[in-house]
Amino acid sequence: MPGLLTAGLPERVAGLSIDRQCAGGLDAILLARALVDSGAADIVLAGGVESTSRRPLRYQTDPDGGPPVPYDQAPFTPWPDRDPSMAAAAAALGERLHISRARGEAWATDSHAKAMADPSVEIVPLLGVTRDPFARRLTPALLARAPVVAGDVTAATAAVAADGAAICLVVSERVARGRGLALVAGVTLGADPEEPGLAPLAAIRRIWGGEALQMVEIMEAYAVQAIAVVDEAGIDPRIVNPGGGALARGHPIGASGAILAVRLFHGLRQGRGLAAIASAGGIGTALLLDSAPGKE
């Protein structure tokens, strides 16, 4: 609610926050659609925001009265042996699917190159920041000396946690009057918490029947995770993340899903587009957008 008041919205506008980790931004859009479809609202602002640089310090209390213990990743399952760190899960996924470090580095290099060549402007100038600071030319020398995070996952093939926000306006057909993109379908499903990187597959398969897609935005928390989803879903990699993904632009967790939708909105000129994201704990969200005349 403080953000809505700061943005100058009237006090009668009630805010609602959700927590689905990486999937939160897309899930907020799907919730907005449900509110519109139900008739509860005609216009909903939905999206996500993350301030990694200002995140609070977190401590876990000891039920036996000991001192609080700092932690970084909250438990995502009740089973510690089935609750891997995201990096360890990505490394294990790559090993199981035989996705090599070299292939992950090639994907990351391509993501950075596309981000640097992308002429679109998606950054609102703020405090002198006018572009993503992470995109760069990844050379073999840089890739070779990138610190190993886990297994074949390195700092070059893992997205950088970042600050960011994205917002979408979701409206009823009465308000849209043929403008914008049609949200054709969307779903969030649970999957194996030990392989969170593959969680979007079930959601993608639920809403996409293999028809032609013109553009796809897939979350790149790790190169191996993006490769695995594209491979297993049977998506043409040539239409994936045309302006680069999170490996080159950063991963503001709470905003990343909404960022995918915003990029899809601005990049989809005709036909149908897909956005999908994985979340810790084995949650996957996907949505389909369809272009319409006069979307601007």
Foldseek 3Di string as FASTA:
>chain_A
DVVCVVVPHDPVDDDDADDQWQCQFVVQVVVVVVCQVVVVDFKDKGFFWFAPVPDDWDWQDDPVHDDTHTDDDDALDPDPVQADDPLQLLQVLCVVVVPALVNLLVLLQVLLVLQVVDPDFDDDDDPNDGGQPQRDHDDPVNSVPFDAPYHSFGLLFAFAAHTDIAIDMDGHCVVCVQAAKDFPDKDKDFDRLSNLLQLQLVRCVVPDDPPDAQAEEEARRGSSSRVVNCVVNVHDPVRYNSNGHRSRRGDRGGGRQNVRVVCCRVPDPAAKYKYKYTGRSGMIMMTMIGHTPNHD
